[in-house]
Amino acid sequence: MDDRIDRFIRTTFRGAGRRYAEARKAYREGRGETDGGEGANRFDLPRDEEGRARLVCRRYAEQRAVTVDGDGRPSCFDPDHADCRGCAEDVREGVVETW
C-alpha cells in the first residue's frame, strides 16, 4: 500500500509542477516578457566588462563568465547533463547563482 501512496504523491506533485510551469509561461507570454533581448540583458544577469554573464557553474561549482543565448542557455551548456539543464532553467526563471 505504501507504494501506491508514494506513486500517487509523486504523480500529483509532478502534475502540479507541470501546471505551475505552464501557468508561469502563459503569464510571461501575456506580459510580453519573451520578446526581444538576448542573453545576459534579457535575463537580467550581472555581467563582466565584455558583456558575459557571471554565473556559478552547478556542474563544476566554479565561477564562470559565459555568453547566454536567447533561450537562457550558457555557452558551456551540455543538454545531456542534468546540472546543465537545471542551470538553464534557473537562468530562465531568474534564480541562478551569480557572482
N, C-alpha and C. Protein backbone atom coordinates (compact mmCIF):
# COMPACT_ATOMS: atom_id res chain seq x y z
N MET A 1 0.82 -1.19 0.00
CA MET A 1 0.00 0.00 0.00
C MET A 1 0.87 1.26 0.00
N ASP A 2 2.01 1.20 0.62
CA ASP A 2 2.90 2.35 0.65
C ASP A 2 3.35 2.74 -0.75
N ASP A 3 3.57 1.74 -1.63
CA ASP A 3 3.99 2.03 -3.00
C ASP A 3 2.91 2.80 -3.74
N ARG A 4 1.66 2.45 -3.51
CA ARG A 4 0.58 3.17 -4.19
C ARG A 4 0.48 4.59 -3.69
N ILE A 5 0.66 4.80 -2.42
CA ILE A 5 0.62 6.16 -1.87
C ILE A 5 1.78 6.99 -2.38
N ASP A 6 2.97 6.41 -2.39
CA ASP A 6 4.15 7.10 -2.92
C ASP A 6 3.95 7.48 -4.38
N ARG A 7 3.45 6.54 -5.17
CA ARG A 7 3.22 6.80 -6.59
C ARG A 7 2.17 7.89 -6.78
N PHE A 8 1.11 7.85 -5.99
CA PHE A 8 0.07 8.88 -6.06
C PHE A 8 0.64 10.26 -5.73
N ILE A 9 1.44 10.33 -4.68
CA ILE A 9 2.02 11.62 -4.28
C ILE A 9 2.95 12.14 -5.36
N ARG A 10 3.81 11.26 -5.89
CA ARG A 10 4.74 11.68 -6.95
C ARG A 10 3.99 12.19 -8.18
N THR A 11 3.01 11.45 -8.64
CA THR A 11 2.29 11.88 -9.85
C THR A 11 1.50 13.15 -9.60
N THR A 12 0.96 13.31 -8.41
CA THR A 12 0.22 14.52 -8.07
C THR A 12 1.14 15.73 -8.07
N PHE A 13 2.30 15.61 -7.44
CA PHE A 13 3.24 16.73 -7.41
C PHE A 13 3.80 17.03 -8.79
N ARG A 14 4.08 16.01 -9.58
CA ARG A 14 4.56 16.25 -10.95
C ARG A 14 3.52 16.99 -11.77
N GLY A 15 2.28 16.57 -11.65
CA GLY A 15 1.21 17.25 -12.37
C GLY A 15 1.06 18.70 -11.94
N ALA A 16 1.14 18.92 -10.64
CA ALA A 16 1.05 20.29 -10.13
C ALA A 16 2.22 21.12 -10.62
N GLY A 17 3.40 20.54 -10.67
CA GLY A 17 4.58 21.25 -11.17
C GLY A 17 4.44 21.61 -12.63
N ARG A 18 3.92 20.70 -13.43
CA ARG A 18 3.69 20.99 -14.85
C ARG A 18 2.67 22.10 -15.03
N ARG A 19 1.60 22.05 -14.28
CA ARG A 19 0.57 23.09 -14.39
C ARG A 19 1.11 24.45 -13.97
N TYR A 20 1.95 24.46 -12.93
CA TYR A 20 2.58 25.70 -12.48
C TYR A 20 3.49 26.26 -13.57
N ALA A 21 4.30 25.40 -14.19
CA ALA A 21 5.21 25.85 -15.25
C ALA A 21 4.42 26.39 -16.45
N GLU A 22 3.34 25.71 -16.80
CA GLU A 22 2.51 26.19 -17.91
C GLU A 22 1.87 27.53 -17.59
N ALA A 23 1.38 27.68 -16.37
CA ALA A 23 0.76 28.95 -15.98
C ALA A 23 1.79 30.07 -15.95
N ARG A 24 2.96 29.78 -15.45
CA ARG A 24 4.03 30.79 -15.41
C ARG A 24 4.43 31.22 -16.82
N LYS A 25 4.56 30.25 -17.72
CA LYS A 25 4.92 30.56 -19.10
C LYS A 25 3.83 31.40 -19.76
N ALA A 26 2.57 31.03 -19.55
CA ALA A 26 1.47 31.80 -20.13
C ALA A 26 1.44 33.22 -19.58
N TYR A 27 1.71 33.37 -18.30
CA TYR A 27 1.73 34.70 -17.68
C TYR A 27 2.83 35.55 -18.31
N ARG A 28 4.03 34.97 -18.45
CA ARG A 28 5.14 35.71 -19.04
C ARG A 28 4.86 36.08 -20.49
N GLU A 29 4.29 35.14 -21.24
CA GLU A 29 3.96 35.44 -22.63
C GLU A 29 2.92 36.55 -22.71
N GLY A 30 1.96 36.51 -21.80
CA GLY A 30 0.94 37.55 -21.77
C GLY A 30 1.50 38.93 -21.47
N ARG A 31 2.53 38.97 -20.66
CA ARG A 31 3.17 40.24 -20.33
C ARG A 31 4.19 40.65 -21.37
N GLY A 32 4.48 39.76 -22.32
CA GLY A 32 5.44 40.08 -23.38
C GLY A 32 6.87 39.94 -22.95
N GLU A 33 7.14 39.18 -21.90
CA GLU A 33 8.50 39.04 -21.40
C GLU A 33 9.37 38.15 -22.26
N THR A 34 8.79 37.40 -23.19
CA THR A 34 9.60 36.52 -24.02
C THR A 34 10.06 37.21 -25.28
N ASP A 35 9.63 38.43 -25.54
CA ASP A 35 10.01 39.13 -26.76
C ASP A 35 11.26 39.95 -26.54
N GLY A 36 12.13 39.93 -27.55
CA GLY A 36 13.29 40.81 -27.56
C GLY A 36 14.32 40.47 -26.51
N GLY A 37 15.45 41.12 -26.63
CA GLY A 37 16.52 40.93 -25.65
C GLY A 37 17.24 39.63 -25.85
N GLU A 38 18.53 39.64 -25.63
CA GLU A 38 19.33 38.43 -25.75
C GLU A 38 20.19 38.26 -24.52
N GLY A 39 20.47 37.06 -24.20
CA GLY A 39 21.46 36.71 -23.20
C GLY A 39 21.33 37.38 -21.86
N ALA A 40 22.48 37.89 -21.38
CA ALA A 40 22.56 38.45 -20.03
C ALA A 40 21.61 39.63 -19.87
N ASN A 41 21.41 40.41 -20.92
CA ASN A 41 20.48 41.54 -20.83
C ASN A 41 19.05 41.07 -20.64
N ARG A 42 18.67 40.09 -21.45
CA ARG A 42 17.28 39.60 -21.41
C ARG A 42 16.94 39.00 -20.05
N PHE A 43 17.89 38.27 -19.46
CA PHE A 43 17.62 37.58 -18.22
C PHE A 43 18.11 38.35 -17.00
N ASP A 44 18.52 39.59 -17.20
CA ASP A 44 18.94 40.49 -16.13
C ASP A 44 20.00 39.85 -15.22
N LEU A 45 21.07 39.41 -15.85
CA LEU A 45 22.18 38.78 -15.13
C LEU A 45 23.33 39.77 -14.98
N PRO A 46 24.09 39.66 -13.89
CA PRO A 46 25.27 40.52 -13.76
C PRO A 46 26.28 40.15 -14.85
N ARG A 47 26.99 41.16 -15.37
CA ARG A 47 27.91 40.93 -16.48
C ARG A 47 29.30 41.44 -16.15
N ASP A 48 30.28 40.89 -16.86
CA ASP A 48 31.65 41.38 -16.75
C ASP A 48 31.85 42.51 -17.77
N GLU A 49 33.08 42.98 -17.91
CA GLU A 49 33.38 44.10 -18.80
C GLU A 49 33.09 43.77 -20.26
N GLU A 50 33.15 42.51 -20.63
CA GLU A 50 32.94 42.08 -22.01
C GLU A 50 31.49 41.71 -22.29
N GLY A 51 30.60 41.88 -21.33
CA GLY A 51 29.19 41.61 -21.52
C GLY A 51 28.78 40.17 -21.28
N ARG A 52 29.68 39.36 -20.78
CA ARG A 52 29.35 37.97 -20.50
C ARG A 52 28.69 37.87 -19.13
N ALA A 53 27.75 36.93 -19.01
CA ALA A 53 27.05 36.70 -17.73
C ALA A 53 28.00 36.06 -16.74
N ARG A 54 27.93 36.50 -15.49
CA ARG A 54 28.76 35.93 -14.42
C ARG A 54 27.91 34.93 -13.64
N LEU A 55 28.12 33.64 -13.92
CA LEU A 55 27.35 32.57 -13.30
C LEU A 55 28.24 31.67 -12.48
N VAL A 56 27.63 30.95 -11.53
CA VAL A 56 28.33 29.89 -10.80
C VAL A 56 27.86 28.57 -11.41
N CYS A 57 28.81 27.84 -11.97
CA CYS A 57 28.52 26.58 -12.64
C CYS A 57 28.02 25.55 -11.63
N ARG A 58 26.85 24.98 -11.89
CA ARG A 58 26.31 23.96 -11.00
C ARG A 58 27.05 22.63 -11.16
N ARG A 59 27.54 22.39 -12.36
CA ARG A 59 28.19 21.12 -12.65
C ARG A 59 29.58 21.02 -12.00
N TYR A 60 30.36 22.10 -12.10
CA TYR A 60 31.72 22.08 -11.58
C TYR A 60 31.92 22.98 -10.37
N ALA A 61 30.89 23.66 -9.91
CA ALA A 61 30.94 24.52 -8.73
C ALA A 61 32.08 25.54 -8.83
N GLU A 62 32.09 26.27 -9.95
CA GLU A 62 33.10 27.29 -10.15
C GLU A 62 32.47 28.53 -10.78
N GLN A 63 33.09 29.67 -10.56
CA GLN A 63 32.61 30.92 -11.15
C GLN A 63 33.03 30.95 -12.62
N ARG A 64 32.08 31.36 -13.47
CA ARG A 64 32.35 31.44 -14.91
C ARG A 64 31.74 32.70 -15.48
N ALA A 65 32.43 33.25 -16.46
CA ALA A 65 31.88 34.34 -17.27
C ALA A 65 31.58 33.74 -18.63
N VAL A 66 30.30 33.64 -18.98
CA VAL A 66 29.89 32.96 -20.21
C VAL A 66 28.85 33.78 -20.95
N THR A 67 28.74 33.55 -22.24
CA THR A 67 27.66 34.15 -23.01
C THR A 67 26.40 33.31 -22.80
N VAL A 68 25.25 33.95 -22.88
CA VAL A 68 23.97 33.27 -22.70
C VAL A 68 23.13 33.55 -23.94
N ASP A 69 22.57 32.50 -24.53
CA ASP A 69 21.76 32.70 -25.73
C ASP A 69 20.35 33.15 -25.36
N GLY A 70 19.53 33.39 -26.35
CA GLY A 70 18.18 33.88 -26.14
C GLY A 70 17.26 32.93 -25.42
N ASP A 71 17.63 31.64 -25.37
CA ASP A 71 16.83 30.64 -24.67
C ASP A 71 17.31 30.40 -23.25
N GLY A 72 18.29 31.19 -22.80
CA GLY A 72 18.78 31.06 -21.43
C GLY A 72 19.81 29.98 -21.24
N ARG A 73 20.45 29.54 -22.32
CA ARG A 73 21.47 28.51 -22.22
C ARG A 73 22.86 29.14 -22.24
N PRO A 74 23.67 28.91 -21.22
CA PRO A 74 25.04 29.40 -21.23
C PRO A 74 25.85 28.71 -22.33
N SER A 75 26.95 29.33 -22.75
CA SER A 75 27.77 28.74 -23.82
C SER A 75 28.36 27.40 -23.42
N CYS A 76 28.49 27.12 -22.14
CA CYS A 76 29.04 25.84 -21.67
C CYS A 76 27.95 24.78 -21.50
N PHE A 77 26.73 25.06 -21.92
CA PHE A 77 25.57 24.19 -21.74
C PHE A 77 25.77 22.83 -22.41
N ASP A 78 25.51 21.75 -21.68
CA ASP A 78 25.54 20.38 -22.19
C ASP A 78 24.14 19.79 -22.01
N PRO A 79 23.39 19.61 -23.08
CA PRO A 79 22.00 19.14 -22.94
C PRO A 79 21.86 17.75 -22.33
N ASP A 80 22.94 16.99 -22.30
CA ASP A 80 22.88 15.63 -21.75
C ASP A 80 23.17 15.58 -20.26
N HIS A 81 23.50 16.71 -19.65
CA HIS A 81 23.85 16.71 -18.22
C HIS A 81 22.75 17.39 -17.42
N ALA A 82 22.30 16.74 -16.35
CA ALA A 82 21.19 17.25 -15.53
C ALA A 82 21.52 18.60 -14.90
N ASP A 83 22.75 18.79 -14.43
CA ASP A 83 23.12 20.07 -13.82
C ASP A 83 23.04 21.21 -14.84
N CYS A 84 23.44 20.95 -16.06
CA CYS A 84 23.39 21.99 -17.11
C CYS A 84 21.93 22.32 -17.45
N ARG A 85 21.09 21.31 -17.54
CA ARG A 85 19.67 21.58 -17.82
C ARG A 85 19.05 22.38 -16.68
N GLY A 86 19.41 22.05 -15.44
CA GLY A 86 18.91 22.79 -14.28
C GLY A 86 19.40 24.22 -14.27
N CYS A 87 20.66 24.42 -14.67
CA CYS A 87 21.23 25.77 -14.72
C CYS A 87 20.46 26.62 -15.73
N ALA A 88 20.20 26.06 -16.91
CA ALA A 88 19.46 26.80 -17.94
C ALA A 88 18.05 27.16 -17.44
N GLU A 89 17.41 26.25 -16.75
CA GLU A 89 16.09 26.54 -16.18
C GLU A 89 16.18 27.66 -15.15
N ASP A 90 17.22 27.62 -14.32
CA ASP A 90 17.40 28.66 -13.32
C ASP A 90 17.66 30.02 -13.96
N VAL A 91 18.41 30.04 -15.05
CA VAL A 91 18.66 31.30 -15.76
C VAL A 91 17.34 31.87 -16.25
N ARG A 92 16.51 31.02 -16.87
CA ARG A 92 15.22 31.48 -17.40
C ARG A 92 14.29 31.97 -16.29
N GLU A 93 14.36 31.33 -15.11
CA GLU A 93 13.49 31.71 -14.01
C GLU A 93 14.05 32.84 -13.17
N GLY A 94 15.32 33.19 -13.41
CA GLY A 94 15.94 34.30 -12.68
C GLY A 94 16.42 33.95 -11.30
N VAL A 95 16.71 32.67 -11.06
CA VAL A 95 17.15 32.25 -9.72
C VAL A 95 18.53 31.61 -9.76
N VAL A 96 19.28 31.82 -10.84
CA VAL A 96 20.60 31.22 -10.97
C VAL A 96 21.58 31.94 -10.03
N GLU A 97 22.55 31.18 -9.50
CA GLU A 97 23.55 31.76 -8.61
C GLU A 97 24.58 32.52 -9.45
N THR A 98 24.86 33.76 -9.05
CA THR A 98 25.79 34.61 -9.77
C THR A 98 26.89 35.10 -8.83
N TRP A 99 27.85 35.82 -9.38
CA TRP A 99 28.92 36.38 -8.57
C TRP A 99 29.20 37.79 -9.03
